[in-house]
Protein backbone atom coordinates (compact mmCIF):
# COMPACT_ATOMS: atom_id res chain seq x y z
CA MET A 1 -0.29 0.21 0.15
CA GLU A 2 1.25 3.59 -1.02
CA LYS A 3 1.76 5.94 1.80
CA LEU A 4 0.10 9.29 1.34
CA ASN A 5 1.98 12.51 1.43
CA ASN A 6 1.68 14.41 4.67
CA ILE A 7 -0.27 17.38 3.57
CA HIS A 8 0.47 20.77 5.53
CA PRO A 9 -2.69 22.90 6.76
CA GLY A 10 -1.49 25.96 4.54
CA GLU A 11 -2.05 23.33 1.45
CA VAL A 12 -5.29 22.89 2.93
CA LEU A 13 -6.09 26.91 3.05
CA LYS A 14 -5.06 27.47 -0.09
CA VAL A 15 -7.00 24.30 -2.16
CA GLU A 16 -9.94 24.21 -0.04
CA PHE A 17 -10.66 27.54 0.82
CA LEU A 18 -8.71 30.36 -1.01
CA GLU A 19 -8.98 29.17 -4.51
CA PRO A 20 -12.66 27.94 -4.80
CA LEU A 21 -13.65 31.31 -2.98
CA GLY A 22 -11.48 33.31 -5.52
CA LEU A 23 -9.41 35.00 -2.49
CA THR A 24 -6.06 36.26 -2.78
CA ALA A 25 -3.37 35.85 0.47
CA TYR A 26 -3.39 39.43 0.45
CA LYS A 27 -7.11 39.82 0.79
CA LEU A 28 -7.31 37.06 3.31
CA ALA A 29 -4.41 38.48 5.65
CA LYS A 30 -6.09 42.28 5.67
CA ALA A 31 -9.31 40.73 6.40
CA ILE A 32 -8.21 38.63 9.28
CA PHE A 33 -6.12 41.39 10.23
CA ILE A 34 -2.52 39.50 10.25
CA PRO A 35 0.42 40.49 8.54
CA GLN A 36 0.60 39.16 4.86
CA ASN A 37 4.20 37.44 5.07
CA ARG A 38 2.60 35.26 7.96
CA LEU A 39 -0.17 33.91 5.68
CA SER A 40 2.58 33.43 3.05
CA GLU A 41 4.53 31.32 5.22
CA ILE A 42 1.43 29.03 6.28
CA ILE A 43 0.35 28.38 2.67
CA HIS A 44 3.66 27.43 1.97
CA GLY A 45 4.35 25.04 4.68
CA LYS A 46 7.06 27.11 6.25
CA ARG A 47 4.93 28.26 9.27
CA SER A 48 2.71 26.64 11.70
CA ILE A 49 -0.93 27.73 12.68
CA SER A 50 -0.93 29.38 15.81
CA VAL A 51 -4.21 29.52 18.03
CA ASP A 52 -4.57 32.98 17.23
CA THR A 53 -4.39 32.32 13.33
CA ALA A 54 -6.56 29.42 14.12
CA ILE A 55 -9.25 31.82 15.45
CA ARG A 56 -9.38 34.28 12.65
CA PHE A 57 -9.40 31.89 10.35
CA SER A 58 -12.56 30.01 11.98
CA LYS A 59 -14.29 33.62 12.56
CA PHE A 60 -13.81 34.58 8.66
CA PHE A 61 -14.51 31.24 7.12
CA GLY A 62 -16.90 30.05 9.20
CA THR A 63 -15.34 27.08 10.81
CA SER A 64 -14.17 26.17 13.98
CA PRO A 65 -10.75 26.79 15.52
CA LYS A 66 -10.52 22.85 16.49
CA PHE A 67 -10.80 22.37 12.61
CA TRP A 68 -7.26 24.27 12.37
CA LEU A 69 -5.86 23.02 15.32
CA GLY A 70 -6.84 19.84 14.50
CA LEU A 71 -5.24 19.94 10.97
CA GLN A 72 -1.80 21.43 12.50
CA MET A 73 -1.61 18.88 15.13
CA ASP A 74 -2.26 15.89 12.84
CA TYR A 75 0.80 17.20 10.27
CA ASP A 76 2.58 18.10 13.19
CA LEU A 77 2.68 14.27 14.58
CA GLU A 78 2.91 12.44 11.19
CA GLU A 79 5.97 15.07 10.71
CA LYS A 80 7.39 13.69 14.04
CA LYS A 81 6.47 10.03 13.58
CA LEU A 82 8.70 10.02 9.78
CA GLU A 83 11.87 11.34 12.06
CA GLU A 84 11.14 9.19 15.07
CA SER A 85 14.86 9.65 16.70
CA SER A 86 16.40 6.47 18.00
CA ASP A 87 15.73 7.58 21.79
CA ILE A 88 12.24 7.77 21.26
CA GLN A 89 12.13 4.50 19.45
CA GLU A 90 13.71 2.89 22.71
CA ILE A 91 11.38 4.12 25.39
CA LYS A 92 9.45 1.32 26.84
CA ALA A 93 6.08 0.85 27.83
CA PHE A 94 5.37 1.30 31.45
CA GLN A 95 4.64 -1.92 32.95
CA GLU A 96 4.24 -3.20 37.18
């Protein structure tokens, strides 16, 4: 079975929200009162979605902050699994 690529929440924002609505990053940044470079970094996968940004996205798009934070958490977890260091692999489950 082929492994799916881990999709950054910025890609979801771009493909599922901005493009269908015909919104530019500039217009969204202005509408939710954040710097355009912050939004650009999110869209390009170079920055995580913070709690503050999740709340702003949710107010604008009519979603919940948990939706955006869930996307970010799922992405981060998959990234960490891919890079699991040997010391994490050495951890044994607690047994009494």
